[in-house]
Amino acid sequence: MQSNGTNIQLEASSVDLILFVTVYHEVGESEAVLKEFGRILKPEGKLIIVEVIKRGIFPGAPVQNPETLKAEIEAGNFKLEQMLPYKRYGIFCSTKKA
């Protein structure tokens, strides 16, 4: 499925899991995209974002600030359940806020 992320052609509350691996930093309209993710995720659905948080994994790879990413996720009406560091990555596991 292709989409700019702001108007995903899926029914509301129809998705169990959204997994973004090293692409969140490319999203231009993160607030609108997170709002759309909230629309299509089921109430118990999960949003998992994996991003590089430490230099050195790939030359030139954009490094994300974990606190900034956490703030964006929570501003997007998600609750960050946990952030798991794995090597040079951060795995951000979130659920929809009630």
N, C-alpha and C. Protein backbone atom coordinates (compact mmCIF):
# COMPACT_ATOMS: atom_id res chain seq x y z
N MET A 1 0.84 -1.16 0.00
CA MET A 1 0.00 0.00 0.00
C MET A 1 0.90 1.23 0.00
N GLN A 2 0.59 2.19 -0.85
CA GLN A 2 1.30 3.46 -0.87
C GLN A 2 0.40 4.54 -0.31
N SER A 3 1.00 5.41 0.46
CA SER A 3 0.25 6.52 1.05
C SER A 3 1.24 7.55 1.56
N ASN A 4 0.80 8.79 1.61
CA ASN A 4 1.64 9.81 2.25
C ASN A 4 1.44 9.76 3.77
N GLY A 5 0.57 8.88 4.23
CA GLY A 5 0.36 8.68 5.66
C GLY A 5 -0.72 9.55 6.27
N THR A 6 -1.22 10.53 5.54
CA THR A 6 -2.23 11.42 6.12
C THR A 6 -3.65 11.06 5.72
N ASN A 7 -3.79 10.14 4.74
CA ASN A 7 -5.12 9.73 4.29
C ASN A 7 -5.04 8.27 3.83
N ILE A 8 -4.88 7.38 4.78
CA ILE A 8 -4.70 5.96 4.48
C ILE A 8 -6.06 5.35 4.18
N GLN A 9 -6.15 4.65 3.07
CA GLN A 9 -7.43 4.10 2.60
C GLN A 9 -7.77 2.79 3.32
N LEU A 10 -7.93 2.88 4.62
CA LEU A 10 -8.36 1.76 5.45
C LEU A 10 -9.47 2.25 6.37
N GLU A 11 -10.31 1.32 6.79
CA GLU A 11 -11.39 1.67 7.70
C GLU A 11 -10.83 2.04 9.07
N ALA A 12 -11.57 2.85 9.79
CA ALA A 12 -11.19 3.22 11.15
C ALA A 12 -11.16 1.98 12.03
N SER A 13 -10.22 1.96 12.95
CA SER A 13 -10.08 0.87 13.93
C SER A 13 -9.99 -0.50 13.26
N SER A 14 -9.20 -0.61 12.20
CA SER A 14 -9.11 -1.87 11.48
C SER A 14 -7.71 -2.50 11.49
N VAL A 15 -6.74 -1.85 12.13
CA VAL A 15 -5.36 -2.31 12.08
C VAL A 15 -4.88 -2.68 13.48
N ASP A 16 -4.22 -3.84 13.57
CA ASP A 16 -3.68 -4.30 14.86
C ASP A 16 -2.32 -3.70 15.17
N LEU A 17 -1.49 -3.52 14.14
CA LEU A 17 -0.11 -3.13 14.36
C LEU A 17 0.38 -2.25 13.21
N ILE A 18 1.06 -1.17 13.56
CA ILE A 18 1.78 -0.36 12.59
C ILE A 18 3.24 -0.42 12.98
N LEU A 19 4.08 -0.83 12.06
CA LEU A 19 5.52 -0.97 12.30
C LEU A 19 6.27 -0.07 11.33
N PHE A 20 6.99 0.89 11.87
CA PHE A 20 7.80 1.83 11.08
C PHE A 20 9.26 1.56 11.43
N VAL A 21 10.04 1.10 10.50
CA VAL A 21 11.45 0.80 10.77
C VAL A 21 12.34 1.75 9.97
N THR A 22 13.01 2.60 10.66
CA THR A 22 13.94 3.62 10.15
C THR A 22 13.36 4.45 9.02
N VAL A 23 12.08 4.80 9.11
CA VAL A 23 11.46 5.69 8.13
C VAL A 23 10.73 6.87 8.79
N TYR A 24 10.50 6.82 10.08
CA TYR A 24 9.76 7.90 10.73
C TYR A 24 10.43 9.26 10.50
N HIS A 25 11.74 9.28 10.50
CA HIS A 25 12.47 10.54 10.31
C HIS A 25 12.21 11.15 8.93
N GLU A 26 11.68 10.37 7.99
CA GLU A 26 11.37 10.86 6.64
C GLU A 26 9.97 11.47 6.54
N VAL A 27 9.16 11.29 7.58
CA VAL A 27 7.78 11.78 7.57
C VAL A 27 7.79 13.29 7.72
N GLY A 28 7.21 13.96 6.75
CA GLY A 28 7.19 15.42 6.79
C GLY A 28 6.12 15.98 7.71
N GLU A 29 4.98 15.35 7.75
CA GLU A 29 3.85 15.84 8.54
C GLU A 29 3.57 14.85 9.68
N SER A 30 4.51 14.77 10.62
CA SER A 30 4.40 13.73 11.65
C SER A 30 3.12 13.86 12.48
N GLU A 31 2.67 15.07 12.77
CA GLU A 31 1.45 15.24 13.57
C GLU A 31 0.24 14.67 12.83
N ALA A 32 0.12 14.97 11.54
CA ALA A 32 -1.01 14.47 10.74
C ALA A 32 -0.91 12.96 10.55
N VAL A 33 0.29 12.45 10.37
CA VAL A 33 0.48 11.01 10.18
C VAL A 33 0.12 10.25 11.46
N LEU A 34 0.57 10.74 12.60
CA LEU A 34 0.23 10.08 13.86
C LEU A 34 -1.28 10.13 14.11
N LYS A 35 -1.92 11.21 13.74
CA LYS A 35 -3.39 11.31 13.88
C LYS A 35 -4.06 10.24 13.02
N GLU A 36 -3.58 10.06 11.80
CA GLU A 36 -4.15 9.05 10.91
C GLU A 36 -3.89 7.64 11.43
N PHE A 37 -2.70 7.42 11.98
CA PHE A 37 -2.41 6.11 12.58
C PHE A 37 -3.39 5.84 13.72
N GLY A 38 -3.67 6.85 14.53
CA GLY A 38 -4.64 6.69 15.61
C GLY A 38 -6.02 6.34 15.09
N ARG A 39 -6.38 6.87 13.95
CA ARG A 39 -7.69 6.59 13.36
C ARG A 39 -7.79 5.14 12.91
N ILE A 40 -6.75 4.61 12.26
CA ILE A 40 -6.86 3.26 11.70
C ILE A 40 -6.51 2.16 12.69
N LEU A 41 -5.81 2.48 13.78
CA LEU A 41 -5.48 1.44 14.76
C LEU A 41 -6.70 1.06 15.59
N LYS A 42 -6.80 -0.23 15.87
CA LYS A 42 -7.82 -0.70 16.80
C LYS A 42 -7.52 -0.13 18.18
N PRO A 43 -8.51 -0.08 19.07
CA PRO A 43 -8.27 0.47 20.41
C PRO A 43 -7.09 -0.19 21.14
N GLU A 44 -6.91 -1.49 20.92
CA GLU A 44 -5.80 -2.19 21.57
C GLU A 44 -4.59 -2.31 20.65
N GLY A 45 -4.62 -1.60 19.52
CA GLY A 45 -3.54 -1.68 18.53
C GLY A 45 -2.23 -1.10 19.03
N LYS A 46 -1.16 -1.46 18.35
CA LYS A 46 0.19 -1.03 18.73
C LYS A 46 0.83 -0.25 17.59
N LEU A 47 1.58 0.76 17.97
CA LEU A 47 2.42 1.51 17.05
C LEU A 47 3.85 1.28 17.50
N ILE A 48 4.66 0.74 16.61
CA ILE A 48 6.07 0.51 16.93
C ILE A 48 6.91 1.27 15.92
N ILE A 49 7.76 2.13 16.46
CA ILE A 49 8.67 2.93 15.63
C ILE A 49 10.09 2.55 16.03
N VAL A 50 10.89 2.18 15.03
CA VAL A 50 12.29 1.84 15.25
C VAL A 50 13.13 2.89 14.54
N GLU A 51 14.01 3.55 15.28
CA GLU A 51 14.86 4.59 14.69
C GLU A 51 16.28 4.49 15.25
N VAL A 52 17.23 4.96 14.48
CA VAL A 52 18.62 5.04 14.93
C VAL A 52 18.71 6.13 15.99
N ILE A 53 19.28 5.80 17.16
CA ILE A 53 19.42 6.79 18.22
C ILE A 53 20.88 6.99 18.63
N LYS A 54 21.80 6.24 18.00
CA LYS A 54 23.24 6.40 18.28
C LYS A 54 24.00 6.38 16.98
N ARG A 55 24.99 7.22 16.89
CA ARG A 55 25.82 7.28 15.69
C ARG A 55 26.63 6.00 15.50
N GLY A 56 26.95 5.73 14.23
CA GLY A 56 27.89 4.67 13.95
C GLY A 56 27.33 3.45 13.25
N ILE A 57 26.01 3.33 13.18
CA ILE A 57 25.46 2.12 12.56
C ILE A 57 25.61 2.17 11.04
N PHE A 58 25.26 3.29 10.45
CA PHE A 58 25.44 3.50 9.02
C PHE A 58 26.03 4.89 8.85
N PRO A 59 27.09 5.03 8.07
CA PRO A 59 27.63 6.37 7.85
C PRO A 59 26.56 7.28 7.24
N GLY A 60 26.37 8.42 7.84
CA GLY A 60 25.40 9.39 7.32
C GLY A 60 23.96 9.14 7.73
N ALA A 61 23.70 8.07 8.47
CA ALA A 61 22.31 7.78 8.90
C ALA A 61 21.85 8.86 9.85
N PRO A 62 20.63 9.36 9.67
CA PRO A 62 20.11 10.37 10.60
C PRO A 62 19.89 9.77 11.98
N VAL A 63 20.36 10.46 12.99
CA VAL A 63 20.23 10.01 14.37
C VAL A 63 19.11 10.79 15.03
N GLN A 64 18.18 10.07 15.63
CA GLN A 64 17.01 10.70 16.27
C GLN A 64 17.26 10.88 17.76
N ASN A 65 16.76 11.98 18.28
CA ASN A 65 16.82 12.23 19.71
C ASN A 65 15.66 11.47 20.36
N PRO A 66 15.93 10.52 21.25
CA PRO A 66 14.85 9.73 21.85
C PRO A 66 13.80 10.57 22.57
N GLU A 67 14.22 11.63 23.25
CA GLU A 67 13.25 12.46 23.99
C GLU A 67 12.35 13.23 23.03
N THR A 68 12.90 13.70 21.92
CA THR A 68 12.10 14.40 20.92
C THR A 68 11.08 13.46 20.30
N LEU A 69 11.54 12.26 19.96
CA LEU A 69 10.63 11.27 19.36
C LEU A 69 9.53 10.88 20.34
N LYS A 70 9.89 10.68 21.59
CA LYS A 70 8.90 10.37 22.62
C LYS A 70 7.85 11.48 22.72
N ALA A 71 8.30 12.73 22.71
CA ALA A 71 7.38 13.86 22.81
C ALA A 71 6.44 13.91 21.61
N GLU A 72 6.95 13.65 20.40
CA GLU A 72 6.11 13.64 19.21
C GLU A 72 5.07 12.53 19.28
N ILE A 73 5.49 11.35 19.70
CA ILE A 73 4.57 10.22 19.81
C ILE A 73 3.44 10.55 20.79
N GLU A 74 3.81 11.08 21.96
CA GLU A 74 2.80 11.37 22.97
C GLU A 74 1.92 12.55 22.56
N ALA A 75 2.46 13.51 21.83
CA ALA A 75 1.64 14.62 21.33
C ALA A 75 0.65 14.13 20.27
N GLY A 76 0.96 13.00 19.64
CA GLY A 76 0.09 12.41 18.63
C GLY A 76 -0.99 11.53 19.20
N ASN A 77 -1.28 11.67 20.49
CA ASN A 77 -2.33 10.93 21.18
C ASN A 77 -2.01 9.45 21.34
N PHE A 78 -0.72 9.16 21.51
CA PHE A 78 -0.27 7.82 21.83
C PHE A 78 0.42 7.83 23.18
N LYS A 79 0.38 6.70 23.84
CA LYS A 79 1.08 6.54 25.11
C LYS A 79 2.30 5.67 24.85
N LEU A 80 3.47 6.20 25.13
CA LEU A 80 4.70 5.41 24.97
C LEU A 80 4.75 4.41 26.11
N GLU A 81 4.59 3.14 25.78
CA GLU A 81 4.61 2.08 26.80
C GLU A 81 6.05 1.76 27.23
N GLN A 82 6.95 1.75 26.25
CA GLN A 82 8.35 1.51 26.57
C GLN A 82 9.24 1.88 25.39
N MET A 83 10.48 2.23 25.72
CA MET A 83 11.49 2.46 24.71
C MET A 83 12.61 1.47 25.00
N LEU A 84 12.81 0.57 24.06
CA LEU A 84 13.82 -0.47 24.23
C LEU A 84 15.05 -0.13 23.41
N PRO A 85 16.18 0.06 24.05
CA PRO A 85 17.39 0.26 23.27
C PRO A 85 17.88 -1.08 22.74
N TYR A 86 18.29 -1.11 21.49
CA TYR A 86 18.85 -2.31 20.89
C TYR A 86 20.02 -1.89 20.01
N LYS A 87 21.21 -2.20 20.45
CA LYS A 87 22.42 -1.77 19.76
C LYS A 87 22.36 -0.25 19.57
N ARG A 88 22.28 0.23 18.35
CA ARG A 88 22.24 1.68 18.10
C ARG A 88 20.83 2.17 17.76
N TYR A 89 19.85 1.31 17.97
CA TYR A 89 18.47 1.63 17.67
C TYR A 89 17.68 1.89 18.94
N GLY A 90 16.57 2.60 18.78
CA GLY A 90 15.58 2.71 19.83
C GLY A 90 14.29 2.13 19.27
N ILE A 91 13.65 1.27 20.05
CA ILE A 91 12.38 0.67 19.64
C ILE A 91 11.31 1.29 20.54
N PHE A 92 10.45 2.11 19.94
CA PHE A 92 9.44 2.85 20.67
C PHE A 92 8.11 2.12 20.52
N CYS A 93 7.60 1.56 21.61
CA CYS A 93 6.36 0.77 21.60
C CYS A 93 5.25 1.60 22.25
N SER A 94 4.20 1.86 21.47
CA SER A 94 3.14 2.76 21.92
C SER A 94 1.76 2.16 21.70
N THR A 95 0.81 2.67 22.48
CA THR A 95 -0.59 2.33 22.31
C THR A 95 -1.39 3.63 22.23
N LYS A 96 -2.63 3.53 21.77
CA LYS A 96 -3.48 4.71 21.71
C LYS A 96 -3.87 5.13 23.12
N LYS A 97 -3.95 6.45 23.33
CA LYS A 97 -4.44 6.94 24.61
C LYS A 97 -5.95 6.74 24.65
N ALA A 98 -6.44 6.46 25.83
CA ALA A 98 -7.88 6.24 26.00
C ALA A 98 -8.66 7.51 25.88
